[in-house]
């Protein structure tokens, strides 16, 4: 129970974190990521192929990590639901559902990227494709996530406010 409470507090703290030590966090991180995806000057012919490929590689790596982190959160918190009762269990179930929704949306999008047009790319034993044609679509998808994560953080706060036994 202590681990669950600490995990939920970490979730909230992470969501509310501000710019620190050169890193954007939470909704600011999404904003910066989206700005980069929509900044045509980063993806046009004025950049070398190597620069564009590196940016696409970093973007895919970030997307993959985001999917994995939300998938792991859903799995871990889903296994914690039986520890709670009543409204606390219901709230945690809702959090799990929201994390699964994010994971499914991002996973479907990434699978679309892997099946789409583009150059084959392999790094760290991960096969994907490399293309700039989906950047705007990805930006639109990412714009919806901070609101969902805000909802998750609010539900976590409500659980924390209850005495956990």
C-alpha atoms as a PDB file:
ATOM      1  CA  UNK A   1       0.000   0.000   0.000  1.00  0.00           C
ATOM      2  CA  UNK A   2       2.865   2.355   0.761  1.00  0.00           C
ATOM      3  CA  UNK A   3       4.346   1.642  -2.671  1.00  0.00           C
ATOM      4  CA  UNK A   4       1.021   2.384  -4.339  1.00  0.00           C
ATOM      5  CA  UNK A   5       0.607   5.658  -2.462  1.00  0.00           C
ATOM      6  CA  UNK A   6       4.198   6.638  -3.306  1.00  0.00           C
ATOM      7  CA  UNK A   7       3.616   5.711  -6.953  1.00  0.00           C
ATOM      8  CA  UNK A   8       0.486   7.835  -7.136  1.00  0.00           C
ATOM      9  CA  UNK A   9       2.249  10.766  -5.488  1.00  0.00           C
ATOM     10  CA  UNK A  10       5.117  10.389  -7.971  1.00  0.00           C
ATOM     11  CA  UNK A  11       2.552  10.407 -10.790  1.00  0.00           C
ATOM     12  CA  UNK A  12       1.092  13.680  -9.497  1.00  0.00           C
ATOM     13  CA  UNK A  13       4.505  15.251  -8.839  1.00  0.00           C
ATOM     14  CA  UNK A  14       5.686  14.284 -12.305  1.00  0.00           C
ATOM     15  CA  UNK A  15       2.567  15.737 -13.910  1.00  0.00           C
ATOM     16  CA  UNK A  16       3.006  19.025 -12.048  1.00  0.00           C
ATOM     17  CA  UNK A  17       6.780  19.272 -12.582  1.00  0.00           C
ATOM     18  CA  UNK A  18       8.171  22.382 -14.222  1.00  0.00           C
ATOM     19  CA  UNK A  19      11.211  23.041 -16.380  1.00  0.00           C
ATOM     20  CA  UNK A  20      14.260  21.758 -14.513  1.00  0.00           C
ATOM     21  CA  UNK A  21      17.961  21.275 -15.286  1.00  0.00           C
ATOM     22  CA  UNK A  22      17.434  21.807 -19.006  1.00  0.00           C
ATOM     23  CA  UNK A  23      14.436  19.467 -19.309  1.00  0.00           C
ATOM     24  CA  UNK A  24      10.831  20.255 -20.059  1.00  0.00           C
ATOM     25  CA  UNK A  25       8.388  18.041 -18.226  1.00  0.00           C
ATOM     26  CA  UNK A  26       4.733  17.083 -18.489  1.00  0.00           C
ATOM     27  CA  UNK A  27       2.545  19.410 -20.565  1.00  0.00           C
ATOM     28  CA  UNK A  28       5.533  21.687 -21.302  1.00  0.00           C
ATOM     29  CA  UNK A  29       7.395  18.691 -22.715  1.00  0.00           C
ATOM     30  CA  UNK A  30       4.437  17.851 -24.946  1.00  0.00           C
ATOM     31  CA  UNK A  31       4.249  21.487 -26.084  1.00  0.00           C
ATOM     32  CA  UNK A  32       7.935  21.549 -27.022  1.00  0.00           C
ATOM     33  CA  UNK A  33       7.695  18.172 -28.752  1.00  0.00           C
ATOM     34  CA  UNK A  34       4.670  19.326 -30.749  1.00  0.00           C
ATOM     35  CA  UNK A  35       6.370  22.632 -31.650  1.00  0.00           C
ATOM     36  CA  UNK A  36       9.311  20.664 -33.015  1.00  0.00           C
ATOM     37  CA  UNK A  37       7.081  18.367 -35.055  1.00  0.00           C
ATOM     38  CA  UNK A  38       5.281  21.362 -36.584  1.00  0.00           C
ATOM     39  CA  UNK A  39       8.404  23.449 -37.249  1.00  0.00           C
ATOM     40  CA  UNK A  40       8.875  22.880 -40.975  1.00  0.00           C
ATOM     41  CA  UNK A  41      12.323  24.496 -40.865  1.00  0.00           C
ATOM     42  CA  UNK A  42      13.574  21.432 -38.931  1.00  0.00           C
ATOM     43  CA  UNK A  43      12.343  19.014 -41.597  1.00  0.00           C
ATOM     44  CA  UNK A  44      12.870  20.798 -44.929  1.00  0.00           C
ATOM     45  CA  UNK A  45      15.585  20.662 -47.554  1.00  0.00           C
ATOM     46  CA  UNK A  46      17.618  23.279 -45.686  1.00  0.00           C
ATOM     47  CA  UNK A  47      18.720  20.488 -43.341  1.00  0.00           C
ATOM     48  CA  UNK A  48      21.028  17.645 -44.149  1.00  0.00           C
ATOM     49  CA  UNK A  49      19.571  14.180 -44.561  1.00  0.00           C
ATOM     50  CA  UNK A  50      21.574  13.108 -41.496  1.00  0.00           C
ATOM     51  CA  UNK A  51      20.022  15.872 -39.349  1.00  0.00           C
ATOM     52  CA  UNK A  52      16.511  14.959 -40.441  1.00  0.00           C
ATOM     53  CA  UNK A  53      17.136  11.247 -39.876  1.00  0.00           C
ATOM     54  CA  UNK A  54      18.572  11.943 -36.419  1.00  0.00           C
ATOM     55  CA  UNK A  55      15.486  14.002 -35.508  1.00  0.00           C
ATOM     56  CA  UNK A  56      13.200  11.251 -36.798  1.00  0.00           C
ATOM     57  CA  UNK A  57      15.161   8.669 -34.800  1.00  0.00           C
ATOM     58  CA  UNK A  58      14.866  10.747 -31.613  1.00  0.00           C
ATOM     59  CA  UNK A  59      11.156  11.309 -32.265  1.00  0.00           C
ATOM     60  CA  UNK A  60      10.545   7.582 -32.709  1.00  0.00           C
ATOM     61  CA  UNK A  61      12.581   6.776 -29.593  1.00  0.00           C
ATOM     62  CA  UNK A  62      10.540   9.280 -27.552  1.00  0.00           C
ATOM     63  CA  UNK A  63       7.290   7.887 -28.941  1.00  0.00           C
ATOM     64  CA  UNK A  64       8.375   4.341 -28.132  1.00  0.00           C
ATOM     65  CA  UNK A  65       9.331   5.328 -24.579  1.00  0.00           C
ATOM     66  CA  UNK A  66       6.049   7.180 -24.063  1.00  0.00           C
ATOM     67  CA  UNK A  67       4.099   4.105 -25.177  1.00  0.00           C
ATOM     68  CA  UNK A  68       6.138   1.817 -22.943  1.00  0.00           C
ATOM     69  CA  UNK A  69       5.869   4.068 -19.879  1.00  0.00           C
ATOM     70  CA  UNK A  70       2.081   4.347 -20.188  1.00  0.00           C
ATOM     71  CA  UNK A  71       1.749   0.602 -20.864  1.00  0.00           C
ATOM     72  CA  UNK A  72       3.813  -0.177 -17.756  1.00  0.00           C
ATOM     73  CA  UNK A  73       1.787   2.289 -15.662  1.00  0.00           C
ATOM     74  CA  UNK A  74      -1.459   0.626 -16.761  1.00  0.00           C
ATOM     75  CA  UNK A  75      -0.102  -2.830 -15.964  1.00  0.00           C
ATOM     76  CA  UNK A  76       1.323  -1.923 -12.547  1.00  0.00           C
ATOM     77  CA  UNK A  77      -1.674   0.113 -11.421  1.00  0.00           C
ATOM     78  CA  UNK A  78      -4.058  -2.513 -12.776  1.00  0.00           C
ATOM     79  CA  UNK A  79      -2.407  -5.073 -10.519  1.00  0.00           C
ATOM     80  CA  UNK A  80      -2.878  -2.691  -7.568  1.00  0.00           C
ATOM     81  CA  UNK A  81      -6.649  -2.286  -7.994  1.00  0.00           C
ATOM     82  CA  UNK A  82      -7.431  -5.292  -5.714  1.00  0.00           C
ATOM     83  CA  UNK A  83      -5.594  -3.509  -2.890  1.00  0.00           C
ATOM     84  CA  UNK A  84      -8.278  -0.829  -2.815  1.00  0.00           C
ATOM     85  CA  UNK A  85     -11.991  -0.843  -2.170  1.00  0.00           C
ATOM     86  CA  UNK A  86     -14.978   1.250  -3.181  1.00  0.00           C
ATOM     87  CA  UNK A  87     -14.442   4.607  -4.833  1.00  0.00           C
ATOM     88  CA  UNK A  88     -10.630   4.324  -4.525  1.00  0.00           C
ATOM     89  CA  UNK A  89     -10.682   1.088  -6.541  1.00  0.00           C
ATOM     90  CA  UNK A  90     -13.035   2.656  -9.080  1.00  0.00           C
ATOM     91  CA  UNK A  91     -10.769   5.683  -9.493  1.00  0.00           C
ATOM     92  CA  UNK A  92      -7.700   3.505  -9.948  1.00  0.00           C
ATOM     93  CA  UNK A  93      -9.577   1.392 -12.511  1.00  0.00           C
ATOM     94  CA  UNK A  94     -10.406   4.600 -14.393  1.00  0.00           C
ATOM     95  CA  UNK A  95      -6.724   5.627 -14.324  1.00  0.00           C
ATOM     96  CA  UNK A  96      -5.737   2.236 -15.714  1.00  0.00           C
ATOM     97  CA  UNK A  97      -8.329   2.603 -18.460  1.00  0.00           C
ATOM     98  CA  UNK A  98      -7.031   6.057 -19.407  1.00  0.00           C
ATOM     99  CA  UNK A  99      -3.430   4.832 -19.546  1.00  0.00           C
ATOM    100  CA  UNK A 100      -4.526   1.915 -21.738  1.00  0.00           C
ATOM    101  CA  UNK A 101      -6.342   4.360 -24.029  1.00  0.00           C
ATOM    102  CA  UNK A 102      -3.184   6.455 -24.411  1.00  0.00           C
ATOM    103  CA  UNK A 103      -1.133   3.315 -25.047  1.00  0.00           C
ATOM    104  CA  UNK A 104      -3.570   2.050 -27.687  1.00  0.00           C
ATOM    105  CA  UNK A 105      -3.756   5.405 -29.483  1.00  0.00           C
ATOM    106  CA  UNK A 106       0.006   5.856 -29.577  1.00  0.00           C
ATOM    107  CA  UNK A 107       0.641   2.200 -30.382  1.00  0.00           C
ATOM    108  CA  UNK A 108      -1.788   2.290 -33.303  1.00  0.00           C
ATOM    109  CA  UNK A 109      -0.151   5.434 -34.598  1.00  0.00           C
ATOM    110  CA  UNK A 110       3.339   3.930 -34.306  1.00  0.00           C
ATOM    111  CA  UNK A 111       2.203   0.765 -36.090  1.00  0.00           C
ATOM    112  CA  UNK A 112       0.894   2.992 -38.877  1.00  0.00           C
ATOM    113  CA  UNK A 113       4.338   4.606 -39.087  1.00  0.00           C
ATOM    114  CA  UNK A 114       6.058   1.226 -39.253  1.00  0.00           C
ATOM    115  CA  UNK A 115       3.772   0.091 -42.082  1.00  0.00           C
ATOM    116  CA  UNK A 116       3.827   3.387 -43.990  1.00  0.00           C
ATOM    117  CA  UNK A 117       6.109   4.765 -46.624  1.00  0.00           C
ATOM    118  CA  UNK A 118       9.589   5.701 -45.590  1.00  0.00           C
ATOM    119  CA  UNK A 119      13.088   4.429 -45.247  1.00  0.00           C
ATOM    120  CA  UNK A 120      13.674   1.358 -43.139  1.00  0.00           C
ATOM    121  CA  UNK A 121      15.328   2.145 -39.845  1.00  0.00           C
ATOM    122  CA  UNK A 122      16.851  -0.184 -37.263  1.00  0.00           C
ATOM    123  CA  UNK A 123      18.272   0.861 -33.901  1.00  0.00           C
ATOM    124  CA  UNK A 124      18.642  -1.085 -30.659  1.00  0.00           C
ATOM    125  CA  UNK A 125      17.053  -4.108 -32.393  1.00  0.00           C
ATOM    126  CA  UNK A 126      13.922  -2.031 -33.144  1.00  0.00           C
ATOM    127  CA  UNK A 127      12.633  -1.984 -36.701  1.00  0.00           C
ATOM    128  CA  UNK A 128      10.596   0.979 -37.860  1.00  0.00           C
ATOM    129  CA  UNK A 129      10.333   3.397 -40.753  1.00  0.00           C
ATOM    130  CA  UNK A 130      11.592   6.891 -41.065  1.00  0.00           C
ATOM    131  CA  UNK A 131       9.376   9.518 -42.757  1.00  0.00           C
ATOM    132  CA  UNK A 132       8.306  13.121 -42.257  1.00  0.00           C
ATOM    133  CA  UNK A 133       4.830  12.591 -43.776  1.00  0.00           C
ATOM    134  CA  UNK A 134       3.129  11.867 -40.423  1.00  0.00           C
ATOM    135  CA  UNK A 135       4.547  14.698 -38.309  1.00  0.00           C
ATOM    136  CA  UNK A 136       1.390  16.835 -38.298  1.00  0.00           C
ATOM    137  CA  UNK A 137      -0.791  13.824 -37.524  1.00  0.00           C
ATOM    138  CA  UNK A 138       1.487  12.897 -34.633  1.00  0.00           C
ATOM    139  CA  UNK A 139       1.369  16.471 -33.322  1.00  0.00           C
ATOM    140  CA  UNK A 140      -2.440  16.360 -33.322  1.00  0.00           C
ATOM    141  CA  UNK A 141      -2.394  13.049 -31.444  1.00  0.00           C
ATOM    142  CA  UNK A 142       0.065  14.371 -28.863  1.00  0.00           C
ATOM    143  CA  UNK A 143      -2.089  17.475 -28.288  1.00  0.00           C
ATOM    144  CA  UNK A 144      -4.839  15.310 -26.815  1.00  0.00           C
ATOM    145  CA  UNK A 145      -2.659  13.526 -24.258  1.00  0.00           C
ATOM    146  CA  UNK A 146      -1.926  16.276 -21.687  1.00  0.00           C
ATOM    147  CA  UNK A 147      -5.653  16.687 -20.966  1.00  0.00           C
ATOM    148  CA  UNK A 148      -6.009  12.940 -20.415  1.00  0.00           C
ATOM    149  CA  UNK A 149      -2.958  12.945 -18.162  1.00  0.00           C
ATOM    150  CA  UNK A 150      -4.394  15.878 -16.220  1.00  0.00           C
ATOM    151  CA  UNK A 151      -7.514  13.791 -15.632  1.00  0.00           C
ATOM    152  CA  UNK A 152      -5.299  10.906 -14.471  1.00  0.00           C
ATOM    153  CA  UNK A 153      -3.424  13.161 -12.032  1.00  0.00           C
ATOM    154  CA  UNK A 154      -6.695  14.525 -10.626  1.00  0.00           C
ATOM    155  CA  UNK A 155      -7.982  10.996 -10.020  1.00  0.00           C
ATOM    156  CA  UNK A 156      -4.680  10.059  -8.367  1.00  0.00           C
ATOM    157  CA  UNK A 157      -4.994  13.085  -6.050  1.00  0.00           C
ATOM    158  CA  UNK A 158      -8.440  11.934  -5.041  1.00  0.00           C
ATOM    159  CA  UNK A 159      -7.127   8.474  -4.188  1.00  0.00           C
ATOM    160  CA  UNK A 160      -4.241   9.955  -2.192  1.00  0.00           C
ATOM    161  CA  UNK A 161      -6.669  12.164  -0.254  1.00  0.00           C
ATOM    162  CA  UNK A 162      -8.346   9.051   1.124  1.00  0.00           C
ATOM    163  CA  UNK A 163      -6.584   7.277   3.959  1.00  0.00           C
ATOM    164  CA  UNK A 164      -5.021   4.212   2.324  1.00  0.00           C
ATOM    165  CA  UNK A 165      -5.238   1.155   4.539  1.00  0.00           C
END
